[in-house]
């Protein structure tokens, strides 16, 4: 295992959570959604979140943890993010096939 493997795993997890926030974010409160956005998209620390939201560091951690758990719960029940990921893979495969076939053109000899 290389030293980059844990970083790749963390990046994949953050990407997964960002996708869940994109899909299910409107189901969270404005407060939860903004805390998750700042933590995931802007990489804010819990101390920065606590200062912004006027709570303790542990309060900011709990806010984000509960919101992310709620997003995971929605995904377990509904599966919309997994379906979008499946469609993304299918779209990429189809685009790859189209690009592979579209590079050769034939000219007709009709004048």
N, C-alpha and C. Protein backbone atom coordinates (compact mmCIF):
# COMPACT_ATOMS: atom_id res chain seq x y z
N UNK A 1 0.84 -1.18 0.00
CA UNK A 1 0.00 0.00 0.00
C UNK A 1 0.90 1.25 0.00
N UNK A 2 0.65 2.19 -0.88
CA UNK A 2 1.45 3.40 -0.97
C UNK A 2 0.92 4.46 -0.02
N UNK A 3 1.74 5.46 0.31
CA UNK A 3 1.27 6.51 1.22
C UNK A 3 0.09 7.30 0.66
N UNK A 4 -0.11 7.31 -0.64
CA UNK A 4 -1.21 8.07 -1.24
C UNK A 4 -2.55 7.37 -1.13
N UNK A 5 -2.54 6.07 -0.86
CA UNK A 5 -3.80 5.33 -0.77
C UNK A 5 -4.74 5.90 0.28
N UNK A 6 -4.29 6.22 1.50
CA UNK A 6 -5.22 6.81 2.46
C UNK A 6 -5.76 8.16 1.99
N UNK A 7 -4.93 8.94 1.32
CA UNK A 7 -5.41 10.23 0.80
C UNK A 7 -6.47 10.04 -0.27
N UNK A 8 -6.27 9.05 -1.11
CA UNK A 8 -7.26 8.77 -2.15
C UNK A 8 -8.57 8.31 -1.53
N UNK A 9 -8.47 7.53 -0.46
CA UNK A 9 -9.68 7.06 0.21
C UNK A 9 -10.43 8.22 0.84
N UNK A 10 -9.71 9.14 1.45
CA UNK A 10 -10.35 10.31 2.06
C UNK A 10 -11.00 11.17 0.98
N UNK A 11 -10.30 11.37 -0.13
CA UNK A 11 -10.84 12.17 -1.23
C UNK A 11 -12.10 11.52 -1.80
N UNK A 12 -12.09 10.20 -1.92
CA UNK A 12 -13.27 9.49 -2.43
C UNK A 12 -14.44 9.64 -1.46
N UNK A 13 -14.18 9.56 -0.16
CA UNK A 13 -15.24 9.71 0.84
C UNK A 13 -15.81 11.12 0.81
N UNK A 14 -14.94 12.12 0.71
CA UNK A 14 -15.41 13.51 0.63
C UNK A 14 -16.24 13.70 -0.64
N UNK A 15 -15.80 13.14 -1.76
CA UNK A 15 -16.56 13.22 -3.00
C UNK A 15 -17.93 12.58 -2.87
N UNK A 16 -17.97 11.45 -2.18
CA UNK A 16 -19.25 10.76 -1.95
C UNK A 16 -20.18 11.64 -1.12
N UNK A 17 -19.65 12.24 -0.06
CA UNK A 17 -20.47 13.09 0.80
C UNK A 17 -20.92 14.36 0.07
N UNK A 18 -20.06 14.90 -0.78
CA UNK A 18 -20.45 16.07 -1.57
C UNK A 18 -21.59 15.72 -2.52
N UNK A 19 -21.52 14.54 -3.10
CA UNK A 19 -22.60 14.09 -4.00
C UNK A 19 -23.91 13.96 -3.23
N UNK A 20 -23.82 13.37 -2.02
CA UNK A 20 -25.03 13.24 -1.20
C UNK A 20 -25.59 14.61 -0.84
N UNK A 21 -24.71 15.55 -0.55
CA UNK A 21 -25.16 16.91 -0.22
C UNK A 21 -25.83 17.56 -1.43
N UNK A 22 -25.28 17.32 -2.61
CA UNK A 22 -25.90 17.85 -3.83
C UNK A 22 -27.30 17.28 -4.04
N UNK A 23 -27.42 15.97 -3.82
CA UNK A 23 -28.68 15.29 -4.10
C UNK A 23 -29.73 15.56 -3.02
N UNK A 24 -29.32 15.42 -1.76
CA UNK A 24 -30.28 15.48 -0.66
C UNK A 24 -30.18 16.76 0.18
N UNK A 25 -29.28 17.65 -0.16
CA UNK A 25 -29.10 18.88 0.60
C UNK A 25 -30.38 19.66 0.86
N UNK A 26 -31.27 19.78 -0.12
CA UNK A 26 -32.51 20.53 0.13
C UNK A 26 -33.38 19.93 1.24
N UNK A 27 -33.13 18.68 1.62
CA UNK A 27 -33.92 18.07 2.69
C UNK A 27 -33.38 18.43 4.07
N UNK A 28 -32.18 19.00 4.13
CA UNK A 28 -31.61 19.45 5.40
C UNK A 28 -32.10 20.85 5.72
N UNK A 29 -31.90 21.25 6.97
CA UNK A 29 -32.20 22.64 7.32
C UNK A 29 -31.13 23.53 6.68
N UNK A 30 -31.42 24.81 6.57
CA UNK A 30 -30.45 25.74 6.01
C UNK A 30 -29.16 25.72 6.82
N UNK A 31 -29.30 25.65 8.13
CA UNK A 31 -28.16 25.61 9.05
C UNK A 31 -27.28 24.38 8.79
N UNK A 32 -27.90 23.22 8.70
CA UNK A 32 -27.17 21.98 8.44
C UNK A 32 -26.50 22.01 7.06
N UNK A 33 -27.25 22.46 6.07
CA UNK A 33 -26.74 22.48 4.71
C UNK A 33 -25.52 23.39 4.58
N UNK A 34 -25.59 24.56 5.19
CA UNK A 34 -24.47 25.50 5.13
C UNK A 34 -23.26 24.97 5.88
N UNK A 35 -23.47 24.35 7.03
CA UNK A 35 -22.36 23.78 7.80
C UNK A 35 -21.67 22.67 6.99
N UNK A 36 -22.46 21.82 6.36
CA UNK A 36 -21.89 20.74 5.54
C UNK A 36 -21.17 21.30 4.32
N UNK A 37 -21.75 22.30 3.70
CA UNK A 37 -21.12 22.90 2.53
C UNK A 37 -19.77 23.50 2.89
N UNK A 38 -19.73 24.23 3.98
CA UNK A 38 -18.48 24.85 4.40
C UNK A 38 -17.44 23.79 4.77
N UNK A 39 -17.87 22.73 5.43
CA UNK A 39 -16.94 21.67 5.84
C UNK A 39 -16.43 20.89 4.63
N UNK A 40 -17.32 20.50 3.73
CA UNK A 40 -16.94 19.65 2.60
C UNK A 40 -16.35 20.43 1.43
N UNK A 41 -17.02 21.50 1.03
CA UNK A 41 -16.60 22.23 -0.16
C UNK A 41 -15.48 23.23 0.12
N UNK A 42 -15.54 23.88 1.27
CA UNK A 42 -14.56 24.92 1.60
C UNK A 42 -13.47 24.41 2.54
N UNK A 43 -13.61 23.18 3.03
CA UNK A 43 -12.62 22.55 3.92
C UNK A 43 -12.41 23.36 5.20
N UNK A 44 -13.48 23.90 5.76
CA UNK A 44 -13.39 24.64 7.01
C UNK A 44 -13.15 23.69 8.17
N UNK A 45 -12.42 24.14 9.15
CA UNK A 45 -12.21 23.35 10.37
C UNK A 45 -13.46 23.49 11.26
N UNK A 46 -13.55 22.61 12.24
CA UNK A 46 -14.67 22.69 13.17
C UNK A 46 -14.57 23.96 14.02
N UNK A 47 -13.36 24.43 14.27
CA UNK A 47 -13.18 25.68 15.01
C UNK A 47 -13.74 26.86 14.22
N UNK A 48 -13.47 26.87 12.91
CA UNK A 48 -14.01 27.94 12.05
C UNK A 48 -15.53 27.88 12.00
N UNK A 49 -16.06 26.67 11.89
CA UNK A 49 -17.52 26.51 11.88
C UNK A 49 -18.12 26.99 13.20
N UNK A 50 -17.49 26.63 14.31
CA UNK A 50 -17.99 27.02 15.63
C UNK A 50 -18.03 28.53 15.76
N UNK A 51 -16.98 29.18 15.29
CA UNK A 51 -16.93 30.64 15.36
C UNK A 51 -18.05 31.27 14.52
N UNK A 52 -18.25 30.73 13.32
CA UNK A 52 -19.26 31.27 12.41
C UNK A 52 -20.68 31.04 12.93
N UNK A 53 -20.93 29.85 13.48
CA UNK A 53 -22.28 29.51 13.93
C UNK A 53 -22.53 29.83 15.40
N UNK A 54 -21.52 30.37 16.07
CA UNK A 54 -21.70 30.78 17.45
C UNK A 54 -21.93 29.62 18.40
N UNK A 55 -21.18 28.55 18.23
CA UNK A 55 -21.31 27.39 19.10
C UNK A 55 -19.92 26.88 19.46
N UNK A 56 -19.89 25.81 20.21
CA UNK A 56 -18.60 25.22 20.56
C UNK A 56 -18.09 24.39 19.40
N UNK A 57 -16.81 24.02 19.48
CA UNK A 57 -16.22 23.17 18.46
C UNK A 57 -16.93 21.82 18.41
N UNK A 58 -17.23 21.27 19.58
CA UNK A 58 -17.94 19.99 19.61
C UNK A 58 -19.38 20.14 19.09
N UNK A 59 -19.97 21.30 19.31
CA UNK A 59 -21.30 21.55 18.75
C UNK A 59 -21.28 21.59 17.23
N UNK A 60 -20.23 22.21 16.68
CA UNK A 60 -20.09 22.25 15.22
C UNK A 60 -19.86 20.84 14.67
N UNK A 61 -19.04 20.07 15.37
CA UNK A 61 -18.79 18.68 14.95
C UNK A 61 -20.10 17.89 14.96
N UNK A 62 -20.87 18.01 16.04
CA UNK A 62 -22.14 17.29 16.14
C UNK A 62 -23.12 17.71 15.05
N UNK A 63 -23.17 19.00 14.76
CA UNK A 63 -24.05 19.51 13.71
C UNK A 63 -23.74 18.86 12.37
N UNK A 64 -22.46 18.85 12.00
CA UNK A 64 -22.05 18.27 10.72
C UNK A 64 -22.24 16.76 10.74
N UNK A 65 -21.86 16.11 11.83
CA UNK A 65 -21.98 14.65 11.92
C UNK A 65 -23.43 14.21 11.77
N UNK A 66 -24.33 14.87 12.47
CA UNK A 66 -25.75 14.51 12.38
C UNK A 66 -26.30 14.76 10.98
N UNK A 67 -25.92 15.86 10.36
CA UNK A 67 -26.40 16.17 9.01
C UNK A 67 -25.89 15.14 8.00
N UNK A 68 -24.61 14.77 8.12
CA UNK A 68 -24.06 13.78 7.20
C UNK A 68 -24.70 12.41 7.42
N UNK A 69 -24.99 12.08 8.67
CA UNK A 69 -25.68 10.82 8.96
C UNK A 69 -27.07 10.84 8.33
N UNK A 70 -27.73 11.98 8.37
CA UNK A 70 -29.05 12.11 7.76
C UNK A 70 -28.96 11.92 6.24
N UNK A 71 -27.92 12.48 5.62
CA UNK A 71 -27.73 12.30 4.18
C UNK A 71 -27.52 10.83 3.84
N UNK A 72 -26.70 10.15 4.64
CA UNK A 72 -26.47 8.71 4.41
C UNK A 72 -27.77 7.92 4.56
N UNK A 73 -28.58 8.32 5.53
CA UNK A 73 -29.87 7.66 5.75
C UNK A 73 -30.77 7.83 4.52
N UNK A 74 -30.83 9.04 4.00
CA UNK A 74 -31.63 9.28 2.79
C UNK A 74 -31.14 8.41 1.64
N UNK A 75 -29.83 8.30 1.50
CA UNK A 75 -29.28 7.51 0.40
C UNK A 75 -29.61 6.03 0.58
N UNK A 76 -29.52 5.53 1.80
CA UNK A 76 -29.87 4.12 2.06
C UNK A 76 -31.31 3.84 1.67
N UNK A 77 -32.18 4.78 1.99
CA UNK A 77 -33.62 4.58 1.72
C UNK A 77 -34.00 4.82 0.26
N UNK A 78 -33.38 5.83 -0.35
CA UNK A 78 -33.83 6.25 -1.68
C UNK A 78 -32.89 5.86 -2.82
N UNK A 79 -31.59 5.89 -2.59
CA UNK A 79 -30.62 5.45 -3.59
C UNK A 79 -30.45 6.35 -4.80
N UNK A 80 -30.83 7.62 -4.68
CA UNK A 80 -30.72 8.51 -5.84
C UNK A 80 -29.28 8.79 -6.24
N UNK A 81 -28.38 8.97 -5.29
CA UNK A 81 -26.99 9.26 -5.61
C UNK A 81 -26.33 8.07 -6.31
N UNK A 82 -26.63 6.86 -5.86
CA UNK A 82 -26.08 5.66 -6.50
C UNK A 82 -26.59 5.55 -7.94
N UNK A 83 -27.85 5.88 -8.15
CA UNK A 83 -28.40 5.84 -9.50
C UNK A 83 -27.74 6.88 -10.39
N UNK A 84 -27.49 8.06 -9.86
CA UNK A 84 -26.79 9.09 -10.64
C UNK A 84 -25.37 8.65 -10.98
N UNK A 85 -24.70 8.01 -10.04
CA UNK A 85 -23.34 7.52 -10.30
C UNK A 85 -23.36 6.45 -11.39
N UNK A 86 -24.36 5.56 -11.33
CA UNK A 86 -24.50 4.53 -12.36
C UNK A 86 -24.71 5.16 -13.73
N UNK A 87 -25.54 6.19 -13.78
CA UNK A 87 -25.81 6.88 -15.05
C UNK A 87 -24.58 7.63 -15.55
N UNK A 88 -23.80 8.18 -14.64
CA UNK A 88 -22.55 8.87 -15.03
C UNK A 88 -21.59 7.90 -15.71
N UNK A 89 -21.46 6.70 -15.14
CA UNK A 89 -20.58 5.69 -15.73
C UNK A 89 -21.09 5.28 -17.11
N UNK A 90 -22.37 5.05 -17.22
CA UNK A 90 -22.97 4.68 -18.50
C UNK A 90 -22.78 5.78 -19.54
N UNK A 91 -22.98 7.03 -19.13
CA UNK A 91 -22.78 8.15 -20.04
C UNK A 91 -21.33 8.22 -20.52
N UNK A 92 -20.39 8.03 -19.62
CA UNK A 92 -18.98 8.08 -19.99
C UNK A 92 -18.64 6.96 -20.98
N UNK A 93 -19.18 5.78 -20.74
CA UNK A 93 -18.95 4.67 -21.67
C UNK A 93 -19.53 4.97 -23.05
N UNK A 94 -20.73 5.51 -23.09
CA UNK A 94 -21.36 5.84 -24.37
C UNK A 94 -20.60 6.94 -25.10
N UNK A 95 -20.16 7.95 -24.37
CA UNK A 95 -19.37 9.02 -24.99
C UNK A 95 -18.06 8.46 -25.56
N UNK A 96 -17.45 7.57 -24.82
CA UNK A 96 -16.20 6.96 -25.28
C UNK A 96 -16.43 6.17 -26.57
N UNK A 97 -17.52 5.42 -26.61
CA UNK A 97 -17.85 4.67 -27.83
C UNK A 97 -18.12 5.59 -29.01
N UNK A 98 -18.87 6.66 -28.75
CA UNK A 98 -19.19 7.60 -29.82
C UNK A 98 -17.93 8.28 -30.35
N UNK A 99 -17.04 8.67 -29.47
CA UNK A 99 -15.79 9.30 -29.90
C UNK A 99 -14.92 8.33 -30.66
N UNK A 100 -14.93 7.07 -30.26
CA UNK A 100 -14.16 6.05 -30.95
C UNK A 100 -14.69 5.77 -32.35
N UNK A 101 -15.99 5.83 -32.53
CA UNK A 101 -16.59 5.56 -33.83
C UNK A 101 -16.65 6.81 -34.70
N UNK A 102 -16.67 7.97 -34.11
CA UNK A 102 -16.84 9.20 -34.86
C UNK A 102 -15.58 9.72 -35.50
N UNK A 103 -14.44 9.08 -35.28
CA UNK A 103 -13.20 9.59 -35.82
C UNK A 103 -12.98 9.18 -37.27
N UNK A 104 -13.67 8.14 -37.72
CA UNK A 104 -13.51 7.72 -39.10
C UNK A 104 -14.76 8.08 -39.88
N UNK A 105 -14.58 8.75 -41.00
CA UNK A 105 -15.70 9.08 -41.86
C UNK A 105 -15.42 8.54 -43.24
N UNK A 106 -16.45 8.19 -43.91
CA UNK A 106 -16.31 7.71 -45.28
C UNK A 106 -16.89 8.74 -46.22
N UNK A 107 -16.26 8.87 -47.35
CA UNK A 107 -16.81 9.81 -48.33
C UNK A 107 -17.46 9.00 -49.44
N UNK A 108 -18.56 9.50 -49.90
CA UNK A 108 -19.24 8.80 -50.99
C UNK A 108 -18.74 9.37 -52.29
N UNK A 109 -18.70 8.56 -53.29
CA UNK A 109 -18.19 8.96 -54.59
C UNK A 109 -19.24 9.57 -55.49
N UNK A 110 -20.41 9.87 -54.95
CA UNK A 110 -21.49 10.42 -55.77
C UNK A 110 -21.17 11.86 -56.11
N UNK A 111 -21.35 12.21 -57.38
CA UNK A 111 -21.09 13.59 -57.83
C UNK A 111 -22.32 14.15 -58.48
